[in-house]
Amino acid sequence: FHQINAFEEDGLLMVDLCCADDGDA
């Protein structure tokens, strides 16, 4: 539902987020 941040470094894109292993929330 919510992402924390995303940034690029050394040819990589880091995507930080809060997530769960199911979608029944």
PDB file of all heavy atoms in Angstrom:
ATOM      1  N   PHE A   1       0.825  -1.210   0.000  1.00  0.00           N
ATOM      2  CA  PHE A   1       0.000   0.000   0.000  1.00  0.00           C
ATOM      3  C   PHE A   1       0.857   1.258   0.000  1.00  0.00           C
ATOM      4  O   PHE A   1       0.491   2.268  -0.584  1.00  0.00           O
ATOM      5  CB  PHE A   1      -0.942  -0.002   1.205  1.00  0.00           C
ATOM      6  CG  PHE A   1      -2.007  -1.058   1.111  1.00  0.00           C
ATOM      7  CD1 PHE A   1      -1.822  -2.316   1.670  1.00  0.00           C
ATOM      8  CD2 PHE A   1      -3.193  -0.812   0.435  1.00  0.00           C
ATOM      9  CE1 PHE A   1      -2.792  -3.293   1.566  1.00  0.00           C
ATOM     10  CE2 PHE A   1      -4.169  -1.783   0.327  1.00  0.00           C
ATOM     11  CZ  PHE A   1      -3.968  -3.034   0.892  1.00  0.00           C
ATOM     12  N   HIS A   2       2.021   1.216   0.683  1.00  0.00           N
ATOM     13  CA  HIS A   2       2.839   2.420   0.811  1.00  0.00           C
ATOM     14  C   HIS A   2       4.307   2.124   0.532  1.00  0.00           C
ATOM     15  O   HIS A   2       4.855   1.156   1.043  1.00  0.00           O
ATOM     16  CB  HIS A   2       2.688   3.008   2.224  1.00  0.00           C
ATOM     17  CG  HIS A   2       1.286   3.381   2.567  1.00  0.00           C
ATOM     18  ND1 HIS A   2       0.530   2.681   3.481  1.00  0.00           N
ATOM     19  CD2 HIS A   2       0.489   4.367   2.102  1.00  0.00           C
ATOM     20  CE1 HIS A   2      -0.669   3.225   3.560  1.00  0.00           C
ATOM     21  NE2 HIS A   2      -0.716   4.248   2.733  1.00  0.00           N
ATOM     22  N   GLN A   3       4.911   2.992  -0.291  1.00  0.00           N
ATOM     23  CA  GLN A   3       6.339   2.920  -0.554  1.00  0.00           C
ATOM     24  C   GLN A   3       7.083   3.837   0.416  1.00  0.00           C
ATOM     25  O   GLN A   3       6.526   4.835   0.888  1.00  0.00           O
ATOM     26  CB  GLN A   3       6.647   3.330  -1.996  1.00  0.00           C
ATOM     27  CG  GLN A   3       6.368   2.243  -3.013  1.00  0.00           C
ATOM     28  CD  GLN A   3       4.887   1.982  -3.209  1.00  0.00           C
ATOM     29  OE1 GLN A   3       4.150   2.889  -3.556  1.00  0.00           O
ATOM     30  NE2 GLN A   3       4.445   0.770  -2.975  1.00  0.00           N
ATOM     31  N   ILE A   4       8.331   3.488   0.706  1.00  0.00           N
ATOM     32  CA  ILE A   4       9.140   4.296   1.613  1.00  0.00           C
ATOM     33  C   ILE A   4       9.973   5.299   0.828  1.00  0.00           C
ATOM     34  O   ILE A   4       9.915   6.504   1.052  1.00  0.00           O
ATOM     35  CB  ILE A   4      10.059   3.396   2.470  1.00  0.00           C
ATOM     36  CG1 ILE A   4       9.246   2.329   3.210  1.00  0.00           C
ATOM     37  CG2 ILE A   4      10.852   4.253   3.469  1.00  0.00           C
ATOM     38  CD1 ILE A   4      10.083   1.274   3.910  1.00  0.00           C
ATOM     39  N   ASN A   5      10.756   4.796  -0.141  1.00  0.00           N
ATOM     40  CA  ASN A   5      11.616   5.652  -0.949  1.00  0.00           C
ATOM     41  C   ASN A   5      12.147   4.829  -2.113  1.00  0.00           C
ATOM     42  O   ASN A   5      12.047   3.602  -2.117  1.00  0.00           O
ATOM     43  CB  ASN A   5      12.784   6.191  -0.105  1.00  0.00           C
ATOM     44  CG  ASN A   5      13.464   7.404  -0.724  1.00  0.00           C
ATOM     45  OD1 ASN A   5      13.008   7.943  -1.724  1.00  0.00           O
ATOM     46  ND2 ASN A   5      14.564   7.836  -0.121  1.00  0.00           N
ATOM     47  N   ALA A   6      12.702   5.516  -3.118  1.00  0.00           N
ATOM     48  CA  ALA A   6      13.362   4.845  -4.243  1.00  0.00           C
ATOM     49  C   ALA A   6      14.497   5.737  -4.716  1.00  0.00           C
ATOM     50  O   ALA A   6      14.342   6.965  -4.783  1.00  0.00           O
ATOM     51  CB  ALA A   6      12.377   4.577  -5.381  1.00  0.00           C
ATOM     52  N   PHE A   7      15.641   5.129  -5.021  1.00  0.00           N
ATOM     53  CA  PHE A   7      16.774   5.926  -5.486  1.00  0.00           C
ATOM     54  C   PHE A   7      17.668   5.077  -6.390  1.00  0.00           C
ATOM     55  O   PHE A   7      17.642   3.844  -6.341  1.00  0.00           O
ATOM     56  CB  PHE A   7      17.579   6.495  -4.309  1.00  0.00           C
ATOM     57  CG  PHE A   7      18.195   5.457  -3.404  1.00  0.00           C
ATOM     58  CD1 PHE A   7      19.498   5.021  -3.603  1.00  0.00           C
ATOM     59  CD2 PHE A   7      17.470   4.924  -2.344  1.00  0.00           C
ATOM     60  CE1 PHE A   7      20.069   4.075  -2.771  1.00  0.00           C
ATOM     61  CE2 PHE A   7      18.035   3.975  -1.496  1.00  0.00           C
ATOM     62  CZ  PHE A   7      19.336   3.541  -1.715  1.00  0.00           C
ATOM     63  N   GLU A   8      18.444   5.780  -7.221  1.00  0.00           N
ATOM     64  CA  GLU A   8      19.328   5.132  -8.186  1.00  0.00           C
ATOM     65  C   GLU A   8      20.781   5.280  -7.743  1.00  0.00           C
ATOM     66  O   GLU A   8      21.186   6.342  -7.261  1.00  0.00           O
ATOM     67  CB  GLU A   8      19.143   5.776  -9.561  1.00  0.00           C
ATOM     68  CG  GLU A   8      17.718   5.723 -10.085  1.00  0.00           C
ATOM     69  CD  GLU A   8      17.445   6.787 -11.126  1.00  0.00           C
ATOM     70  OE1 GLU A   8      18.333   7.031 -11.971  1.00  0.00           O
ATOM     71  OE2 GLU A   8      16.359   7.393 -11.081  1.00  0.00           O
ATOM     72  N   GLU A   9      21.542   4.204  -7.922  1.00  0.00           N
ATOM     73  CA  GLU A   9      22.954   4.238  -7.550  1.00  0.00           C
ATOM     74  C   GLU A   9      23.695   3.111  -8.263  1.00  0.00           C
ATOM     75  O   GLU A   9      23.242   1.953  -8.236  1.00  0.00           O
ATOM     76  CB  GLU A   9      23.080   4.091  -6.029  1.00  0.00           C
ATOM     77  CG  GLU A   9      24.407   4.552  -5.452  1.00  0.00           C
ATOM     78  CD  GLU A   9      24.370   4.588  -3.935  1.00  0.00           C
ATOM     79  OE1 GLU A   9      24.185   3.524  -3.309  1.00  0.00           O
ATOM     80  OE2 GLU A   9      24.504   5.684  -3.360  1.00  0.00           O
ATOM     81  N   ASP A  10      24.782   3.448  -8.923  1.00  0.00           N
ATOM     82  CA  ASP A  10      25.643   2.439  -9.561  1.00  0.00           C
ATOM     83  C   ASP A  10      24.879   1.557 -10.548  1.00  0.00           C
ATOM     84  O   ASP A  10      25.081   0.340 -10.601  1.00  0.00           O
ATOM     85  CB  ASP A  10      26.323   1.564  -8.507  1.00  0.00           C
ATOM     86  CG  ASP A  10      27.175   2.362  -7.530  1.00  0.00           C
ATOM     87  OD1 ASP A  10      27.759   3.367  -7.965  1.00  0.00           O
ATOM     88  OD2 ASP A  10      27.225   1.989  -6.345  1.00  0.00           O
ATOM     89  N   GLY A  11      23.991   2.162 -11.333  1.00  0.00           N
ATOM     90  CA  GLY A  11      23.264   1.398 -12.339  1.00  0.00           C
ATOM     91  C   GLY A  11      22.153   0.526 -11.785  1.00  0.00           C
ATOM     92  O   GLY A  11      21.596  -0.313 -12.507  1.00  0.00           O
ATOM     93  N   LEU A  12      21.800   0.739 -10.517  1.00  0.00           N
ATOM     94  CA  LEU A  12      20.734  -0.026  -9.859  1.00  0.00           C
ATOM     95  C   LEU A  12      19.677   0.918  -9.327  1.00  0.00           C
ATOM     96  O   LEU A  12      19.977   2.064  -8.953  1.00  0.00           O
ATOM     97  CB  LEU A  12      21.307  -0.857  -8.713  1.00  0.00           C
ATOM     98  CG  LEU A  12      22.401  -1.876  -9.056  1.00  0.00           C
ATOM     99  CD1 LEU A  12      23.024  -2.429  -7.788  1.00  0.00           C
ATOM    100  CD2 LEU A  12      21.835  -3.000  -9.921  1.00  0.00           C
ATOM    101  N   LEU A  13      18.456   0.441  -9.289  1.00  0.00           N
ATOM    102  CA  LEU A  13      17.346   1.198  -8.721  1.00  0.00           C
ATOM    103  C   LEU A  13      16.858   0.467  -7.492  1.00  0.00           C
ATOM    104  O   LEU A  13      16.399  -0.680  -7.566  1.00  0.00           O
ATOM    105  CB  LEU A  13      16.219   1.337  -9.750  1.00  0.00           C
ATOM    106  CG  LEU A  13      14.897   1.943  -9.275  1.00  0.00           C
ATOM    107  CD1 LEU A  13      15.106   3.347  -8.706  1.00  0.00           C
ATOM    108  CD2 LEU A  13      13.894   1.994 -10.414  1.00  0.00           C
ATOM    109  N   MET A  14      16.986   1.116  -6.336  1.00  0.00           N
ATOM    110  CA  MET A  14      16.510   0.556  -5.078  1.00  0.00           C
ATOM    111  C   MET A  14      15.079   1.029  -4.828  1.00  0.00           C
ATOM    112  O   MET A  14      14.817   2.234  -4.852  1.00  0.00           O
ATOM    113  CB  MET A  14      17.411   0.975  -3.918  1.00  0.00           C
ATOM    114  CG  MET A  14      18.622   0.079  -3.699  1.00  0.00           C
ATOM    115  SD  MET A  14      19.687  -0.135  -5.150  1.00  0.00           S
ATOM    116  CE  MET A  14      20.444   1.489  -5.288  1.00  0.00           C
ATOM    117  N   VAL A  15      14.180   0.088  -4.604  1.00  0.00           N
ATOM    118  CA  VAL A  15      12.783   0.402  -4.309  1.00  0.00           C
ATOM    119  C   VAL A  15      12.465  -0.146  -2.921  1.00  0.00           C
ATOM    120  O   VAL A  15      12.486  -1.358  -2.703  1.00  0.00           O
ATOM    121  CB  VAL A  15      11.822  -0.207  -5.351  1.00  0.00           C
ATOM    122  CG1 VAL A  15      10.388   0.179  -5.022  1.00  0.00           C
ATOM    123  CG2 VAL A  15      12.194   0.259  -6.755  1.00  0.00           C
ATOM    124  N   ASP A  16      12.191   0.745  -1.982  1.00  0.00           N
ATOM    125  CA  ASP A  16      11.903   0.374  -0.597  1.00  0.00           C
ATOM    126  C   ASP A  16      10.419   0.565  -0.332  1.00  0.00           C
ATOM    127  O   ASP A  16       9.862   1.628  -0.637  1.00  0.00           O
ATOM    128  CB  ASP A  16      12.713   1.232   0.367  1.00  0.00           C
ATOM    129  CG  ASP A  16      14.223   1.062   0.180  1.00  0.00           C
ATOM    130  OD1 ASP A  16      14.624   0.110  -0.508  1.00  0.00           O
ATOM    131  OD2 ASP A  16      14.979   1.886   0.727  1.00  0.00           O
ATOM    132  N   LEU A  17       9.790  -0.430   0.241  1.00  0.00           N
ATOM    133  CA  LEU A  17       8.349  -0.388   0.442  1.00  0.00           C
ATOM    134  C   LEU A  17       7.933  -1.275   1.612  1.00  0.00           C
ATOM    135  O   LEU A  17       8.681  -2.143   2.047  1.00  0.00           O
ATOM    136  CB  LEU A  17       7.616  -0.822  -0.824  1.00  0.00           C
ATOM    137  CG  LEU A  17       7.765  -2.278  -1.281  1.00  0.00           C
ATOM    138  CD1 LEU A  17       6.664  -2.617  -2.284  1.00  0.00           C
ATOM    139  CD2 LEU A  17       9.104  -2.554  -1.929  1.00  0.00           C
ATOM    140  N   CYS A  18       6.734  -1.028   2.108  1.00  0.00           N
ATOM    141  CA  CYS A  18       6.125  -1.901   3.102  1.00  0.00           C
ATOM    142  C   CYS A  18       5.228  -2.884   2.367  1.00  0.00           C
ATOM    143  O   CYS A  18       4.370  -2.463   1.583  1.00  0.00           O
ATOM    144  CB  CYS A  18       5.308  -1.093   4.110  1.00  0.00           C
ATOM    145  SG  CYS A  18       6.311  -0.014   5.150  1.00  0.00           S
ATOM    146  N   CYS A  19       5.421  -4.177   2.609  1.00  0.00           N
ATOM    147  CA  CYS A  19       4.615  -5.150   1.879  1.00  0.00           C
ATOM    148  C   CYS A  19       4.361  -6.391   2.720  1.00  0.00           C
ATOM    149  O   CYS A  19       5.054  -6.655   3.704  1.00  0.00           O
ATOM    150  CB  CYS A  19       5.269  -5.519   0.554  1.00  0.00           C
ATOM    151  SG  CYS A  19       6.977  -6.038   0.657  1.00  0.00           S
ATOM    152  N   ALA A  20       3.333  -7.115   2.318  1.00  0.00           N
ATOM    153  CA  ALA A  20       2.921  -8.336   3.003  1.00  0.00           C
ATOM    154  C   ALA A  20       2.816  -9.460   1.988  1.00  0.00           C
ATOM    155  O   ALA A  20       2.754  -9.220   0.775  1.00  0.00           O
ATOM    156  CB  ALA A  20       1.577  -8.129   3.709  1.00  0.00           C
ATOM    157  N   ASP A  21       2.778 -10.673   2.499  1.00  0.00           N
ATOM    158  CA  ASP A  21       2.771 -11.845   1.611  1.00  0.00           C
ATOM    159  C   ASP A  21       1.374 -12.285   1.200  1.00  0.00           C
ATOM    160  O   ASP A  21       1.223 -13.311   0.531  1.00  0.00           O
ATOM    161  CB  ASP A  21       3.503 -13.013   2.285  1.00  0.00           C
ATOM    162  CG  ASP A  21       4.998 -12.754   2.402  1.00  0.00           C
ATOM    163  OD1 ASP A  21       5.555 -12.108   1.498  1.00  0.00           O
ATOM    164  OD2 ASP A  21       5.605 -13.186   3.401  1.00  0.00           O
ATOM    165  N   ASP A  22       0.357 -11.546   1.606  1.00  0.00           N
ATOM    166  CA  ASP A  22      -0.976 -11.769   1.046  1.00  0.00           C
ATOM    167  C   ASP A  22      -1.667 -10.427   0.887  1.00  0.00           C
ATOM    168  O   ASP A  22      -1.134  -9.393   1.288  1.00  0.00           O
ATOM    169  CB  ASP A  22      -1.800 -12.769   1.871  1.00  0.00           C
ATOM    170  CG  ASP A  22      -2.351 -12.196   3.176  1.00  0.00           C
ATOM    171  OD1 ASP A  22      -2.534 -10.971   3.275  1.00  0.00           O
ATOM    172  OD2 ASP A  22      -2.601 -12.981   4.099  1.00  0.00           O
ATOM    173  N   GLY A  23      -2.842 -10.429   0.274  1.00  0.00           N
ATOM    174  CA  GLY A  23      -3.517  -9.174  -0.042  1.00  0.00           C
ATOM    175  C   GLY A  23      -4.911  -9.071   0.521  1.00  0.00           C
ATOM    176  O   GLY A  23      -5.775  -8.421  -0.066  1.00  0.00           O
ATOM    177  N   ASP A  24      -5.148  -9.708   1.658  1.00  0.00           N
ATOM    178  CA  ASP A  24      -6.486  -9.696   2.252  1.00  0.00           C
ATOM    179  C   ASP A  24      -6.680  -8.589   3.270  1.00  0.00           C
ATOM    180  O   ASP A  24      -7.700  -8.550   3.961  1.00  0.00           O
ATOM    181  CB  ASP A  24      -6.776 -11.048   2.916  1.00  0.00           C
ATOM    182  CG  ASP A  24      -6.910 -12.167   1.884  1.00  0.00           C
ATOM    183  OD1 ASP A  24      -7.415 -11.885   0.781  1.00  0.00           O
ATOM    184  OD2 ASP A  24      -6.504 -13.304   2.191  1.00  0.00           O
ATOM    185  N   ALA A  25      -5.703  -7.684   3.400  1.00  0.00           N
ATOM    186  CA  ALA A  25      -5.755  -6.688   4.469  1.00  0.00           C
ATOM    187  C   ALA A  25      -7.005  -5.810   4.391  1.00  0.00           C
ATOM    188  O   ALA A  25      -7.580  -5.450   5.417  1.00  0.00           O
ATOM    189  CB  ALA A  25      -4.501  -5.823   4.424  1.00  0.00           C
TER     190      ALA A  25
END
